[in-house]
Amino acid sequence: MDFLGLLPFLLIFVIFYFLIFRPQAQERKEHEQMLASLKVGNSILLNSGIFGKITRIEQNDIIKVEIADGIKVKALRSSVSKLA
């Protein structure tokens, strides 16, 4: 098989890499950096759509989030979608 026969497949792979795989990897890296930088007092949005404020961060990746006055829930650090 010659190189010209493989050229379309290589071109498709390069296009997929730059349009799909690379942006997803960059987005995942930014999300991991955001999770690592969380601190008490941050307003956040959980994956469930609940807004809250971090009141405590425990060592085993559990955070306590105040979702209303006096209402606190535990959540995994990884369940934080973004800073609000």
PDB file of N, CA and C in Angstrom:
ATOM      1  N   MET A   1       0.847  -1.179   0.000  1.00  0.00           N
ATOM      2  CA  MET A   1       0.000   0.000   0.000  1.00  0.00           C
ATOM      3  C   MET A   1       0.890   1.239   0.000  1.00  0.00           C
ATOM      4  N   ASP A   2       0.551   2.170  -0.805  1.00  0.00           N
ATOM      5  CA  ASP A   2       1.381   3.364  -0.905  1.00  0.00           C
ATOM      6  C   ASP A   2       0.886   4.465   0.034  1.00  0.00           C
ATOM      7  N   PHE A   3       1.703   5.466   0.191  1.00  0.00           N
ATOM      8  CA  PHE A   3       1.431   6.568   1.107  1.00  0.00           C
ATOM      9  C   PHE A   3       0.200   7.358   0.689  1.00  0.00           C
ATOM     10  N   LEU A   4      -0.022   7.516  -0.607  1.00  0.00           N
ATOM     11  CA  LEU A   4      -1.168   8.304  -1.076  1.00  0.00           C
ATOM     12  C   LEU A   4      -2.494   7.650  -0.706  1.00  0.00           C
ATOM     13  N   GLY A   5      -2.502   6.340  -0.536  1.00  0.00           N
ATOM     14  CA  GLY A   5      -3.718   5.655  -0.121  1.00  0.00           C
ATOM     15  C   GLY A   5      -4.049   5.923   1.335  1.00  0.00           C
ATOM     16  N   LEU A   6      -3.031   6.169   2.153  1.00  0.00           N
ATOM     17  CA  LEU A   6      -3.232   6.460   3.572  1.00  0.00           C
ATOM     18  C   LEU A   6      -3.472   7.937   3.860  1.00  0.00           C
ATOM     19  N   LEU A   7      -3.164   8.786   2.908  1.00  0.00           N
ATOM     20  CA  LEU A   7      -3.264  10.227   3.114  1.00  0.00           C
ATOM     21  C   LEU A   7      -4.662  10.687   3.551  1.00  0.00           C
ATOM     22  N   PRO A   8      -5.761  10.226   2.943  1.00  0.00           N
ATOM     23  CA  PRO A   8      -7.083  10.671   3.408  1.00  0.00           C
ATOM     24  C   PRO A   8      -7.359  10.286   4.873  1.00  0.00           C
ATOM     25  N   PHE A   9      -6.936   9.088   5.285  1.00  0.00           N
ATOM     26  CA  PHE A   9      -7.146   8.664   6.664  1.00  0.00           C
ATOM     27  C   PHE A   9      -6.325   9.510   7.642  1.00  0.00           C
ATOM     28  N   LEU A  10      -5.103   9.819   7.263  1.00  0.00           N
ATOM     29  CA  LEU A  10      -4.276  10.673   8.106  1.00  0.00           C
ATOM     30  C   LEU A  10      -4.867  12.077   8.213  1.00  0.00           C
ATOM     31  N   LEU A  11      -5.373  12.582   7.108  1.00  0.00           N
ATOM     32  CA  LEU A  11      -5.981  13.909   7.092  1.00  0.00           C
ATOM     33  C   LEU A  11      -7.224  13.939   7.993  1.00  0.00           C
ATOM     34  N   ILE A  12      -8.051  12.905   7.927  1.00  0.00           N
ATOM     35  CA  ILE A  12      -9.234  12.830   8.779  1.00  0.00           C
ATOM     36  C   ILE A  12      -8.828  12.764  10.247  1.00  0.00           C
ATOM     37  N   PHE A  13      -7.801  11.979  10.567  1.00  0.00           N
ATOM     38  CA  PHE A  13      -7.342  11.890  11.948  1.00  0.00           C
ATOM     39  C   PHE A  13      -6.847  13.242  12.456  1.00  0.00           C
ATOM     40  N   VAL A  14      -6.094  13.961  11.649  1.00  0.00           N
ATOM     41  CA  VAL A  14      -5.588  15.280  12.050  1.00  0.00           C
ATOM     42  C   VAL A  14      -6.745  16.250  12.287  1.00  0.00           C
ATOM     43  N   ILE A  15      -7.740  16.214  11.424  1.00  0.00           N
ATOM     44  CA  ILE A  15      -8.900  17.093  11.583  1.00  0.00           C
ATOM     45  C   ILE A  15      -9.637  16.760  12.872  1.00  0.00           C
ATOM     46  N   PHE A  16      -9.868  15.464  13.129  1.00  0.00           N
ATOM     47  CA  PHE A  16     -10.526  15.060  14.364  1.00  0.00           C
ATOM     48  C   PHE A  16      -9.719  15.497  15.581  1.00  0.00           C
ATOM     49  N   TYR A  17      -8.415  15.365  15.513  1.00  0.00           N
ATOM     50  CA  TYR A  17      -7.575  15.735  16.646  1.00  0.00           C
ATOM     51  C   TYR A  17      -7.749  17.208  16.995  1.00  0.00           C
ATOM     52  N   PHE A  18      -7.666  18.079  16.002  1.00  0.00           N
ATOM     53  CA  PHE A  18      -7.724  19.514  16.273  1.00  0.00           C
ATOM     54  C   PHE A  18      -9.135  20.036  16.534  1.00  0.00           C
ATOM     55  N   LEU A  19     -10.153  19.351  16.038  1.00  0.00           N
ATOM     56  CA  LEU A  19     -11.518  19.823  16.244  1.00  0.00           C
ATOM     57  C   LEU A  19     -12.230  19.175  17.427  1.00  0.00           C
ATOM     58  N   ILE A  20     -11.790  17.978  17.826  1.00  0.00           N
ATOM     59  CA  ILE A  20     -12.505  17.262  18.883  1.00  0.00           C
ATOM     60  C   ILE A  20     -11.615  16.924  20.065  1.00  0.00           C
ATOM     61  N   PHE A  21     -10.566  16.144  19.851  1.00  0.00           N
ATOM     62  CA  PHE A  21      -9.776  15.617  20.958  1.00  0.00           C
ATOM     63  C   PHE A  21      -9.006  16.688  21.712  1.00  0.00           C
ATOM     64  N   ARG A  22      -8.339  17.569  21.024  1.00  0.00           N
ATOM     65  CA  ARG A  22      -7.523  18.596  21.685  1.00  0.00           C
ATOM     66  C   ARG A  22      -8.360  19.575  22.507  1.00  0.00           C
ATOM     67  N   PRO A  23      -9.468  20.103  21.981  1.00  0.00           N
ATOM     68  CA  PRO A  23     -10.284  21.006  22.806  1.00  0.00           C
ATOM     69  C   PRO A  23     -10.861  20.315  24.047  1.00  0.00           C
ATOM     70  N   GLN A  24     -11.246  19.048  23.928  1.00  0.00           N
ATOM     71  CA  GLN A  24     -11.765  18.332  25.088  1.00  0.00           C
ATOM     72  C   GLN A  24     -10.692  18.166  26.149  1.00  0.00           C
ATOM     73  N   ALA A  25      -9.472  17.866  25.730  1.00  0.00           N
ATOM     74  CA  ALA A  25      -8.375  17.705  26.682  1.00  0.00           C
ATOM     75  C   ALA A  25      -8.077  19.028  27.382  1.00  0.00           C
ATOM     76  N   GLN A  26      -8.090  20.123  26.644  1.00  0.00           N
ATOM     77  CA  GLN A  26      -7.848  21.435  27.248  1.00  0.00           C
ATOM     78  C   GLN A  26      -8.955  21.795  28.231  1.00  0.00           C
ATOM     79  N   GLU A  27     -10.206  21.501  27.876  1.00  0.00           N
ATOM     80  CA  GLU A  27     -11.324  21.802  28.761  1.00  0.00           C
ATOM     81  C   GLU A  27     -11.233  20.968  30.044  1.00  0.00           C
ATOM     82  N   ARG A  28     -10.863  19.692  29.905  1.00  0.00           N
ATOM     83  CA  ARG A  28     -10.712  18.823  31.074  1.00  0.00           C
ATOM     84  C   ARG A  28      -9.601  19.333  31.986  1.00  0.00           C
ATOM     85  N   LYS A  29      -8.497  19.794  31.393  1.00  0.00           N
ATOM     86  CA  LYS A  29      -7.378  20.319  32.178  1.00  0.00           C
ATOM     87  C   LYS A  29      -7.793  21.578  32.941  1.00  0.00           C
ATOM     88  N   GLU A  30      -8.521  22.478  32.292  1.00  0.00           N
ATOM     89  CA  GLU A  30      -8.989  23.696  32.952  1.00  0.00           C
ATOM     90  C   GLU A  30      -9.943  23.358  34.097  1.00  0.00           C
ATOM     91  N   HIS A  31     -10.812  22.369  33.898  1.00  0.00           N
ATOM     92  CA  HIS A  31     -11.750  21.968  34.944  1.00  0.00           C
ATOM     93  C   HIS A  31     -11.000  21.385  36.139  1.00  0.00           C
ATOM     94  N   GLU A  32      -9.987  20.564  35.885  1.00  0.00           N
ATOM     95  CA  GLU A  32      -9.188  19.998  36.973  1.00  0.00           C
ATOM     96  C   GLU A  32      -8.450  21.087  37.749  1.00  0.00           C
ATOM     97  N   GLN A  33      -7.953  22.102  37.044  1.00  0.00           N
ATOM     98  CA  GLN A  33      -7.287  23.215  37.713  1.00  0.00           C
ATOM     99  C   GLN A  33      -8.281  23.998  38.574  1.00  0.00           C
ATOM    100  N   MET A  34      -9.503  24.182  38.081  1.00  0.00           N
ATOM    101  CA  MET A  34     -10.528  24.881  38.845  1.00  0.00           C
ATOM    102  C   MET A  34     -10.869  24.090  40.108  1.00  0.00           C
ATOM    103  N   LEU A  35     -10.999  22.763  39.992  1.00  0.00           N
ATOM    104  CA  LEU A  35     -11.307  21.934  41.155  1.00  0.00           C
ATOM    105  C   LEU A  35     -10.187  22.006  42.184  1.00  0.00           C
ATOM    106  N   ALA A  36      -8.953  22.032  41.732  1.00  0.00           N
ATOM    107  CA  ALA A  36      -7.816  22.093  42.650  1.00  0.00           C
ATOM    108  C   ALA A  36      -7.732  23.441  43.361  1.00  0.00           C
ATOM    109  N   SER A  37      -8.269  24.491  42.751  1.00  0.00           N
ATOM    110  CA  SER A  37      -8.153  25.827  43.337  1.00  0.00           C
ATOM    111  C   SER A  37      -9.357  26.212  44.195  1.00  0.00           C
ATOM    112  N   LEU A  38     -10.307  25.311  44.400  1.00  0.00           N
ATOM    113  CA  LEU A  38     -11.475  25.638  45.220  1.00  0.00           C
ATOM    114  C   LEU A  38     -11.058  25.959  46.644  1.00  0.00           C
ATOM    115  N   LYS A  39     -11.732  26.940  47.246  1.00  0.00           N
ATOM    116  CA  LYS A  39     -11.450  27.300  48.632  1.00  0.00           C
ATOM    117  C   LYS A  39     -12.745  27.707  49.319  1.00  0.00           C
ATOM    118  N   VAL A  40     -12.693  27.735  50.629  1.00  0.00           N
ATOM    119  CA  VAL A  40     -13.856  28.107  51.426  1.00  0.00           C
ATOM    120  C   VAL A  40     -14.298  29.520  51.038  1.00  0.00           C
ATOM    121  N   GLY A  41     -15.595  29.675  50.863  1.00  0.00           N
ATOM    122  CA  GLY A  41     -16.146  30.979  50.493  1.00  0.00           C
ATOM    123  C   GLY A  41     -16.478  31.101  49.023  1.00  0.00           C
ATOM    124  N   ASN A  42     -15.972  30.185  48.186  1.00  0.00           N
ATOM    125  CA  ASN A  42     -16.288  30.234  46.757  1.00  0.00           C
ATOM    126  C   ASN A  42     -17.761  29.931  46.528  1.00  0.00           C
ATOM    127  N   SER A  43     -18.382  30.695  45.650  1.00  0.00           N
ATOM    128  CA  SER A  43     -19.732  30.374  45.192  1.00  0.00           C
ATOM    129  C   SER A  43     -19.589  29.438  44.008  1.00  0.00           C
ATOM    130  N   ILE A  44     -20.350  28.338  44.024  1.00  0.00           N
ATOM    131  CA  ILE A  44     -20.181  27.295  43.013  1.00  0.00           C
ATOM    132  C   ILE A  44     -21.515  26.854  42.450  1.00  0.00           C
ATOM    133  N   LEU A  45     -21.443  26.148  41.337  1.00  0.00           N
ATOM    134  CA  LEU A  45     -22.582  25.481  40.742  1.00  0.00           C
ATOM    135  C   LEU A  45     -22.246  23.999  40.691  1.00  0.00           C
ATOM    136  N   LEU A  46     -23.095  23.172  41.300  1.00  0.00           N
ATOM    137  CA  LEU A  46     -22.890  21.733  41.273  1.00  0.00           C
ATOM    138  C   LEU A  46     -23.459  21.158  39.976  1.00  0.00           C
ATOM    139  N   ASN A  47     -23.017  19.950  39.611  1.00  0.00           N
ATOM    140  CA  ASN A  47     -23.523  19.297  38.403  1.00  0.00           C
ATOM    141  C   ASN A  47     -25.033  19.119  38.435  1.00  0.00           C
ATOM    142  N   SER A  48     -25.606  19.056  39.612  1.00  0.00           N
ATOM    143  CA  SER A  48     -27.052  18.875  39.754  1.00  0.00           C
ATOM    144  C   SER A  48     -27.830  20.155  39.471  1.00  0.00           C
ATOM    145  N   GLY A  49     -27.132  21.279  39.311  1.00  0.00           N
ATOM    146  CA  GLY A  49     -27.790  22.556  39.054  1.00  0.00           C
ATOM    147  C   GLY A  49     -28.026  23.371  40.305  1.00  0.00           C
ATOM    148  N   ILE A  50     -27.500  22.907  41.431  1.00  0.00           N
ATOM    149  CA  ILE A  50     -27.681  23.612  42.700  1.00  0.00           C
ATOM    150  C   ILE A  50     -26.540  24.602  42.904  1.00  0.00           C
ATOM    151  N   PHE A  51     -26.897  25.844  43.224  1.00  0.00           N
ATOM    152  CA  PHE A  51     -25.914  26.861  43.551  1.00  0.00           C
ATOM    153  C   PHE A  51     -25.663  26.837  45.050  1.00  0.00           C
ATOM    154  N   GLY A  52     -24.444  27.137  45.447  1.00  0.00           N
ATOM    155  CA  GLY A  52     -24.143  27.187  46.865  1.00  0.00           C
ATOM    156  C   GLY A  52     -22.797  27.835  47.123  1.00  0.00           C
ATOM    157  N   LYS A  53     -22.440  27.882  48.408  1.00  0.00           N
ATOM    158  CA  LYS A  53     -21.173  28.462  48.834  1.00  0.00           C
ATOM    159  C   LYS A  53     -20.428  27.411  49.653  1.00  0.00           C
ATOM    160  N   ILE A  54     -19.150  27.237  49.356  1.00  0.00           N
ATOM    161  CA  ILE A  54     -18.347  26.253  50.078  1.00  0.00           C
ATOM    162  C   ILE A  54     -18.098  26.758  51.492  1.00  0.00           C
ATOM    163  N   THR A  55     -18.422  25.918  52.487  1.00  0.00           N
ATOM    164  CA  THR A  55     -18.197  26.287  53.881  1.00  0.00           C
ATOM    165  C   THR A  55     -17.059  25.487  54.505  1.00  0.00           C
ATOM    166  N   ARG A  56     -16.732  24.334  53.901  1.00  0.00           N
ATOM    167  CA  ARG A  56     -15.650  23.509  54.446  1.00  0.00           C
ATOM    168  C   ARG A  56     -15.158  22.562  53.363  1.00  0.00           C
ATOM    169  N   ILE A  57     -13.844  22.324  53.359  1.00  0.00           N
ATOM    170  CA  ILE A  57     -13.246  21.354  52.455  1.00  0.00           C
ATOM    171  C   ILE A  57     -12.532  20.317  53.301  1.00  0.00           C
ATOM    172  N   GLU A  58     -12.934  19.059  53.144  1.00  0.00           N
ATOM    173  CA  GLU A  58     -12.318  17.973  53.891  1.00  0.00           C
ATOM    174  C   GLU A  58     -11.245  17.313  53.024  1.00  0.00           C
ATOM    175  N   GLN A  59     -10.355  16.580  53.657  1.00  0.00           N
ATOM    176  CA  GLN A  59      -9.208  16.029  52.937  1.00  0.00           C
ATOM    177  C   GLN A  59      -9.570  14.950  51.929  1.00  0.00           C
ATOM    178  N   ASN A  60     -10.636  14.239  52.136  1.00  0.00           N
ATOM    179  CA  ASN A  60     -10.963  13.153  51.215  1.00  0.00           C
ATOM    180  C   ASN A  60     -11.895  13.609  50.088  1.00  0.00           C
ATOM    181  N   ASP A  61     -11.665  14.804  49.582  1.00  0.00           N
ATOM    182  CA  ASP A  61     -12.387  15.378  48.442  1.00  0.00           C
ATOM    183  C   ASP A  61     -13.882  15.562  48.673  1.00  0.00           C
ATOM    184  N   ILE A  62     -14.262  15.739  49.915  1.00  0.00           N
ATOM    185  CA  ILE A  62     -15.649  16.058  50.232  1.00  0.00           C
ATOM    186  C   ILE A  62     -15.705  17.523  50.641  1.00  0.00           C
ATOM    187  N   ILE A  63     -16.687  18.220  50.102  1.00  0.00           N
ATOM    188  CA  ILE A  63     -16.885  19.623  50.462  1.00  0.00           C
ATOM    189  C   ILE A  63     -18.254  19.772  51.106  1.00  0.00           C
ATOM    190  N   LYS A  64     -18.372  20.733  51.983  1.00  0.00           N
ATOM    191  CA  LYS A  64     -19.669  21.078  52.552  1.00  0.00           C
ATOM    192  C   LYS A  64     -20.103  22.374  51.884  1.00  0.00           C
ATOM    193  N   VAL A  65     -21.338  22.352  51.387  1.00  0.00           N
ATOM    194  CA  VAL A  65     -21.862  23.476  50.617  1.00  0.00           C
ATOM    195  C   VAL A  65     -23.137  23.972  51.278  1.00  0.00           C
ATOM    196  N   GLU A  66     -23.174  25.272  51.514  1.00  0.00           N
ATOM    197  CA  GLU A  66     -24.392  25.883  52.048  1.00  0.00           C
ATOM    198  C   GLU A  66     -25.247  26.307  50.856  1.00  0.00           C
ATOM    199  N   ILE A  67     -26.431  25.681  50.745  1.00  0.00           N
ATOM    200  CA  ILE A  67     -27.297  25.961  49.601  1.00  0.00           C
ATOM    201  C   ILE A  67     -28.421  26.939  49.951  1.00  0.00           C
ATOM    202  N   ALA A  68     -28.661  27.157  51.240  1.00  0.00           N
ATOM    203  CA  ALA A  68     -29.624  28.151  51.731  1.00  0.00           C
ATOM    204  C   ALA A  68     -29.211  28.466  53.165  1.00  0.00           C
ATOM    205  N   ASP A  69     -29.796  29.481  53.749  1.00  0.00           N
ATOM    206  CA  ASP A  69     -29.440  29.855  55.119  1.00  0.00           C
ATOM    207  C   ASP A  69     -29.636  28.666  56.052  1.00  0.00           C
ATOM    208  N   GLY A  70     -28.542  28.173  56.620  1.00  0.00           N
ATOM    209  CA  GLY A  70     -28.587  27.073  57.567  1.00  0.00           C
ATOM    210  C   GLY A  70     -28.731  25.692  56.956  1.00  0.00           C
ATOM    211  N   ILE A  71     -28.782  25.584  55.639  1.00  0.00           N
ATOM    212  CA  ILE A  71     -28.911  24.283  54.960  1.00  0.00           C
ATOM    213  C   ILE A  71     -27.581  23.958  54.297  1.00  0.00           C
ATOM    214  N   LYS A  72     -26.913  22.930  54.828  1.00  0.00           N
ATOM    215  CA  LYS A  72     -25.616  22.529  54.296  1.00  0.00           C
ATOM    216  C   LYS A  72     -25.701  21.086  53.828  1.00  0.00           C
ATOM    217  N   VAL A  73     -25.060  20.809  52.715  1.00  0.00           N
ATOM    218  CA  VAL A  73     -25.014  19.458  52.169  1.00  0.00           C
ATOM    219  C   VAL A  73     -23.559  19.092  51.898  1.00  0.00           C
ATOM    220  N   LYS A  74     -23.295  17.788  51.889  1.00  0.00           N
ATOM    221  CA  LYS A  74     -21.977  17.299  51.520  1.00  0.00           C
ATOM    222  C   LYS A  74     -22.000  16.950  50.038  1.00  0.00           C
ATOM    223  N   ALA A  75     -20.901  17.212  49.359  1.00  0.00           N
ATOM    224  CA  ALA A  75     -20.778  16.874  47.943  1.00  0.00           C
ATOM    225  C   ALA A  75     -19.326  16.512  47.651  1.00  0.00           C
ATOM    226  N   LEU A  76     -19.138  15.768  46.598  1.00  0.00           N
ATOM    227  CA  LEU A  76     -17.785  15.481  46.158  1.00  0.00           C
ATOM    228  C   LEU A  76     -17.220  16.707  45.450  1.00  0.00           C
ATOM    229  N   ARG A  77     -15.957  16.920  45.622  1.00  0.00           N
ATOM    230  CA  ARG A  77     -15.293  18.036  44.950  1.00  0.00           C
ATOM    231  C   ARG A  77     -15.487  17.922  43.434  1.00  0.00           C
ATOM    232  N   SER A  78     -15.451  16.710  42.918  1.00  0.00           N
ATOM    233  CA  SER A  78     -15.586  16.502  41.475  1.00  0.00           C
ATOM    234  C   SER A  78     -16.976  16.823  40.952  1.00  0.00           C
ATOM    235  N   SER A  79     -17.972  17.000  41.838  1.00  0.00           N
ATOM    236  CA  SER A  79     -19.327  17.329  41.385  1.00  0.00           C
ATOM    237  C   SER A  79     -19.511  18.823  41.148  1.00  0.00           C
ATOM    238  N   VAL A  80     -18.469  19.610  41.381  1.00  0.00           N
ATOM    239  CA  VAL A  80     -18.547  21.049  41.108  1.00  0.00           C
ATOM    240  C   VAL A  80     -18.410  21.268  39.611  1.00  0.00           C
ATOM    241  N   SER A  81     -19.407  21.906  39.045  1.00  0.00           N
ATOM    242  CA  SER A  81     -19.421  22.162  37.606  1.00  0.00           C
ATOM    243  C   SER A  81     -18.577  23.389  37.267  1.00  0.00           C
ATOM    244  N   LYS A  82     -18.835  24.494  37.986  1.00  0.00           N
ATOM    245  CA  LYS A  82     -18.067  25.707  37.746  1.00  0.00           C
ATOM    246  C   LYS A  82     -18.240  26.675  38.886  1.00  0.00           C
ATOM    247  N   LEU A  83     -17.420  27.693  38.906  1.00  0.00           N
ATOM    248  CA  LEU A  83     -17.565  28.772  39.877  1.00  0.00           C
ATOM    249  C   LEU A  83     -18.710  29.661  39.434  1.00  0.00           C
ATOM    250  N   ALA A  84     -19.505  30.082  40.398  1.00  0.00           N
ATOM    251  CA  ALA A  84     -20.671  30.912  40.053  1.00  0.00           C
ATOM    252  C   ALA A  84     -20.389  32.376  40.317  1.00  0.00           C
TER     253      ALA A  84
END
